[in-house]
Amino acid sequence: MAAFLLFFIETKIGRTIAITGLIVAGVFIGWISFKNHYYNQGYQAAITQVAKNTKEAKDAVDKAVSSSAECFARGGTPDDTTGVCDR
């Protein structure tokens, strides 16, 4: 084991291999970190957009239900196609 480590310490080719290996490992780790960061950022943006669309849809349904309930309370019949309360 010691001879193996001495190869990387004492020889020029050994130092070159070690430095090149460290550079490649650093670039690889940086690339993975960069990719992971932007993947997570995109994922969060998608989740936020879906939540926003879900809230907008829920609000529209709540508004339609409340206007239908008001129409029935006044003795009318709500028209779903026009959104008008017919009496």
Protein backbone atom coordinates (compact mmCIF):
# COMPACT_ATOMS: atom_id res chain seq x y z
CA MET A 1 0.00 0.00 0.00
CA ALA A 2 2.83 2.39 0.87
CA ALA A 3 4.51 1.80 -2.48
CA PHE A 4 1.27 2.65 -4.23
CA LEU A 5 0.99 5.97 -2.36
CA LEU A 6 4.67 6.74 -2.94
CA PHE A 7 4.06 6.37 -6.69
CA PHE A 8 1.62 9.31 -6.55
CA ILE A 9 3.85 11.39 -4.29
CA GLU A 10 7.34 10.81 -5.71
CA THR A 11 6.84 10.49 -9.46
CA LYS A 12 5.88 13.21 -11.88
CA ILE A 13 3.41 10.97 -13.73
CA GLY A 14 1.91 9.93 -10.40
CA ARG A 15 1.34 13.55 -9.37
CA THR A 16 -0.12 14.30 -12.82
CA ILE A 17 -2.52 11.36 -12.53
CA ALA A 18 -3.54 12.39 -9.01
CA ILE A 19 -4.11 16.03 -9.94
CA THR A 20 -6.01 15.09 -13.08
CA GLY A 21 -8.15 12.69 -11.06
CA LEU A 22 -8.93 15.37 -8.50
CA ILE A 23 -9.88 17.85 -11.23
CA VAL A 24 -12.15 15.31 -12.93
CA ALA A 25 -13.76 14.40 -9.60
CA GLY A 26 -14.27 18.09 -8.76
CA VAL A 27 -15.86 18.83 -12.13
CA PHE A 28 -18.11 15.78 -11.81
CA ILE A 29 -19.25 16.73 -8.29
CA GLY A 30 -19.82 20.33 -9.41
CA TRP A 31 -21.86 19.19 -12.41
CA ILE A 32 -24.02 16.90 -10.26
CA SER A 33 -24.58 19.68 -7.71
CA PHE A 34 -25.45 22.22 -10.43
CA LYS A 35 -27.85 19.82 -12.14
CA ASN A 36 -29.48 18.84 -8.84
CA HIS A 37 -29.96 22.49 -7.83
CA TYR A 38 -31.71 23.48 -11.05
CA TYR A 39 -33.75 20.26 -11.13
CA ASN A 40 -35.07 21.04 -7.63
CA GLN A 41 -35.70 24.67 -8.60
CA GLY A 42 -37.79 23.57 -11.59
CA TYR A 43 -39.65 21.02 -9.48
CA GLN A 44 -40.59 23.68 -6.92
CA ALA A 45 -41.74 26.04 -9.69
CA ALA A 46 -43.98 23.32 -11.11
CA ILE A 47 -45.47 22.51 -7.71
CA THR A 48 -46.15 26.21 -7.08
CA GLN A 49 -47.87 26.56 -10.48
CA VAL A 50 -50.07 23.52 -9.86
CA ALA A 51 -51.03 24.82 -6.42
CA LYS A 52 -51.88 28.22 -7.90
CA ASN A 53 -54.04 26.65 -10.64
CA THR A 54 -55.74 24.42 -8.06
CA LYS A 55 -56.55 27.43 -5.86
CA GLU A 56 -57.92 29.37 -8.83
CA ALA A 57 -60.11 26.42 -9.82
CA LYS A 58 -61.35 25.98 -6.24
CA ASP A 59 -62.15 29.68 -5.98
CA ALA A 60 -64.13 29.53 -9.26
CA VAL A 61 -66.10 26.52 -8.02
CA ASP A 62 -66.78 28.22 -4.68
CA LYS A 63 -68.03 31.33 -6.49
CA ALA A 64 -70.29 29.29 -8.77
CA VAL A 65 -71.72 27.30 -5.87
CA SER A 66 -72.36 30.43 -3.81
CA SER A 67 -74.07 32.20 -6.72
CA SER A 68 -76.20 29.10 -7.35
CA ALA A 69 -77.13 28.94 -3.68
CA GLU A 70 -78.09 32.63 -3.72
CA CYS A 71 -80.22 32.06 -6.81
CA PHE A 72 -82.05 29.13 -5.18
CA ALA A 73 -82.52 31.20 -2.00
CA ARG A 74 -84.25 33.89 -4.09
CA GLY A 75 -86.53 31.26 -5.63
CA GLY A 76 -84.84 31.19 -9.03
CA THR A 77 -83.12 28.60 -11.17
CA PRO A 78 -79.47 29.13 -12.07
CA ASP A 79 -78.54 28.75 -15.75
CA ASP A 80 -75.12 27.07 -15.86
CA THR A 81 -74.35 28.12 -19.43
CA THR A 82 -74.95 31.84 -19.00
CA GLY A 83 -74.46 32.18 -15.24
CA VAL A 84 -77.76 34.07 -14.96
CA CYS A 85 -80.44 33.40 -12.37
CA ASP A 86 -83.77 32.70 -14.13
CA ARG A 87 -86.95 33.33 -12.19
